[in-house]
């Protein structure tokens, strides 16, 4: 029989995140920084150079960049459905970045499916498992 209980540190972290929902974006950012990623804020000089404009994205949004990979773990468009993601993707692809979307919402996944994105599940444990959407021809998912 498989033990489905969460390790204490994971359960405690989830409880804390739920109690402090406004801190959730900061916790995700901290995790990326700790893993060696550069966190990119919308409207920052680096963000603007990547097409991540402050006029398109709420302040809780961010990208994480490491080498030629850009992960979007939290995107919150000010006007969903009005091209913010398409503009961002176009700049990133033009600059030869591999864009990966981490655990997108159901509505966003539907659009990604229509645009030729595929899902890859990475990670071996509850703590490390993530679903990453990427272009079908992008084999760069680790």
Protein backbone atom coordinates (compact mmCIF):
# COMPACT_ATOMS: atom_id res chain seq x y z
CA UNK A 1 0.00 0.00 0.00
CA UNK A 2 1.32 3.43 -0.91
CA UNK A 3 1.61 6.03 1.83
CA UNK A 4 -0.20 9.14 0.57
CA UNK A 5 0.46 11.33 3.59
CA UNK A 6 2.41 14.49 2.96
CA UNK A 7 5.73 14.94 4.70
CA UNK A 8 5.34 17.33 7.62
CA UNK A 9 7.44 20.08 6.05
CA UNK A 10 5.33 20.01 2.87
CA UNK A 11 2.02 20.05 4.76
CA UNK A 12 3.25 22.84 7.02
CA UNK A 13 4.36 24.83 3.99
CA UNK A 14 0.97 24.41 2.33
CA UNK A 15 -0.86 25.51 5.47
CA UNK A 16 1.39 28.54 5.77
CA UNK A 17 0.90 29.40 2.07
CA UNK A 18 -2.88 29.18 2.43
CA UNK A 19 -2.83 31.36 5.53
CA UNK A 20 -0.60 33.89 3.80
CA UNK A 21 -1.94 33.81 0.22
CA UNK A 22 -0.60 37.26 -0.55
CA UNK A 23 2.90 35.93 0.13
CA UNK A 24 2.54 33.09 -2.37
CA UNK A 25 4.18 35.00 -5.28
CA UNK A 26 7.13 35.90 -3.04
CA UNK A 27 7.53 32.27 -1.94
CA UNK A 28 7.65 31.08 -5.54
CA UNK A 29 10.17 33.80 -6.44
CA UNK A 30 12.34 32.83 -3.47
CA UNK A 31 12.34 29.21 -4.59
CA UNK A 32 13.52 30.18 -8.06
CA UNK A 33 16.26 32.43 -6.67
CA UNK A 34 17.42 29.69 -4.33
CA UNK A 35 17.64 27.34 -7.33
CA UNK A 36 19.87 29.82 -9.20
CA UNK A 37 17.31 31.41 -11.52
CA UNK A 38 17.12 35.14 -12.25
CA UNK A 39 13.66 36.42 -11.33
CA UNK A 40 12.38 38.95 -13.87
CA UNK A 41 9.68 41.44 -12.89
CA UNK A 42 7.24 42.98 -15.39
CA UNK A 43 8.32 46.44 -16.47
CA UNK A 44 11.87 46.08 -15.12
CA UNK A 45 14.73 46.85 -17.55
CA UNK A 46 15.39 43.12 -18.03
CA UNK A 47 11.65 42.45 -18.25
CA UNK A 48 11.18 45.08 -20.93
CA UNK A 49 14.11 43.67 -22.93
CA UNK A 50 12.26 40.32 -22.89
CA UNK A 51 8.90 41.84 -23.87
CA UNK A 52 7.55 41.54 -20.32
CA UNK A 53 5.89 44.95 -20.15
CA UNK A 54 4.41 46.38 -16.96
CA UNK A 55 1.40 47.67 -18.88
CA UNK A 56 0.43 44.05 -19.72
CA UNK A 57 1.03 42.21 -16.45
CA UNK A 58 -0.01 42.59 -12.81
CA UNK A 59 2.82 43.09 -10.30
CA UNK A 60 2.48 39.54 -8.89
CA UNK A 61 3.55 38.16 -12.29
CA UNK A 62 7.14 37.16 -12.94
CA UNK A 63 9.42 35.18 -15.22
CA UNK A 64 12.43 33.12 -14.19
CA UNK A 65 15.44 32.96 -16.50
CA UNK A 66 18.38 30.58 -16.48
CA UNK A 67 20.56 30.42 -19.56
CA UNK A 68 18.39 30.05 -22.66
CA UNK A 69 15.32 28.95 -20.69
CA UNK A 70 12.57 31.24 -19.45
CA UNK A 71 9.94 29.79 -17.15
CA UNK A 72 6.63 31.47 -16.56
CA UNK A 73 5.43 30.18 -13.21
CA UNK A 74 3.09 33.07 -12.47
CA UNK A 75 1.50 35.13 -15.23
CA UNK A 76 -1.44 37.37 -14.44
CA UNK A 77 -2.43 39.51 -17.43
CA UNK A 78 -4.16 42.81 -16.81
CA UNK A 79 -6.38 42.13 -19.83
CA UNK A 80 -6.52 38.38 -20.53
CA UNK A 81 -7.24 37.57 -24.14
CA UNK A 82 -5.82 40.82 -25.52
CA UNK A 83 -2.40 39.56 -26.69
CA UNK A 84 -0.07 40.06 -23.71
CA UNK A 85 1.11 36.46 -23.83
CA UNK A 86 1.43 36.48 -27.63
CA UNK A 87 3.60 39.60 -27.51
CA UNK A 88 5.76 38.14 -24.74
CA UNK A 89 6.16 34.82 -26.55
CA UNK A 90 7.09 36.54 -29.83
CA UNK A 91 9.92 38.51 -28.21
CA UNK A 92 11.24 35.47 -26.33
CA UNK A 93 11.15 33.27 -29.42
CA UNK A 94 12.83 36.00 -31.49
CA UNK A 95 15.63 36.10 -28.89
CA UNK A 96 15.89 32.29 -29.06
CA UNK A 97 14.70 31.58 -25.52
CA UNK A 98 12.90 28.32 -24.76
CA UNK A 99 9.67 29.32 -23.05
CA UNK A 100 8.22 26.93 -20.49
CA UNK A 101 4.92 27.53 -18.71
CA UNK A 102 4.67 25.92 -15.30
CA UNK A 103 1.28 24.64 -14.15
CA UNK A 104 -0.87 27.02 -16.24
CA UNK A 105 -4.54 27.48 -15.35
CA UNK A 106 -7.14 25.35 -17.12
CA UNK A 107 -8.31 28.22 -19.33
CA UNK A 108 -4.72 29.02 -20.30
CA UNK A 109 -3.96 25.32 -20.99
CA UNK A 110 -6.83 25.18 -23.50
CA UNK A 111 -5.28 28.03 -25.47
CA UNK A 112 -1.81 26.50 -25.25
CA UNK A 113 -3.16 23.19 -26.59
CA UNK A 114 -4.63 25.03 -29.58
CA UNK A 115 -1.28 26.75 -30.18
CA UNK A 116 0.65 23.48 -30.36
CA UNK A 117 2.05 23.31 -26.84
CA UNK A 118 2.48 19.95 -25.15
CA UNK A 119 2.70 19.04 -21.48
CA UNK A 120 5.60 17.24 -19.88
CA UNK A 121 5.49 16.09 -16.27
CA UNK A 122 8.87 16.39 -14.56
CA UNK A 123 9.97 15.41 -11.06
CA UNK A 124 9.81 12.17 -9.15
CA UNK A 125 8.15 13.16 -5.89
CA UNK A 126 5.21 15.21 -4.71
CA UNK A 127 7.59 18.02 -3.80
CA UNK A 128 9.33 18.12 -7.18
CA UNK A 129 6.58 17.13 -9.64
CA UNK A 130 5.51 19.87 -12.06
CA UNK A 131 3.65 20.01 -15.35
CA UNK A 132 5.47 22.15 -17.87
CA UNK A 133 3.94 23.27 -21.15
CA UNK A 134 6.33 23.92 -24.03
CA UNK A 135 6.35 23.99 -27.81
CA UNK A 136 6.21 20.51 -29.27
CA UNK A 137 9.49 21.01 -31.13
CA UNK A 138 11.25 22.22 -27.94
CA UNK A 139 13.05 19.22 -26.46
CA UNK A 140 14.63 21.36 -23.75
CA UNK A 141 12.50 20.24 -20.80
CA UNK A 142 14.64 18.66 -18.10
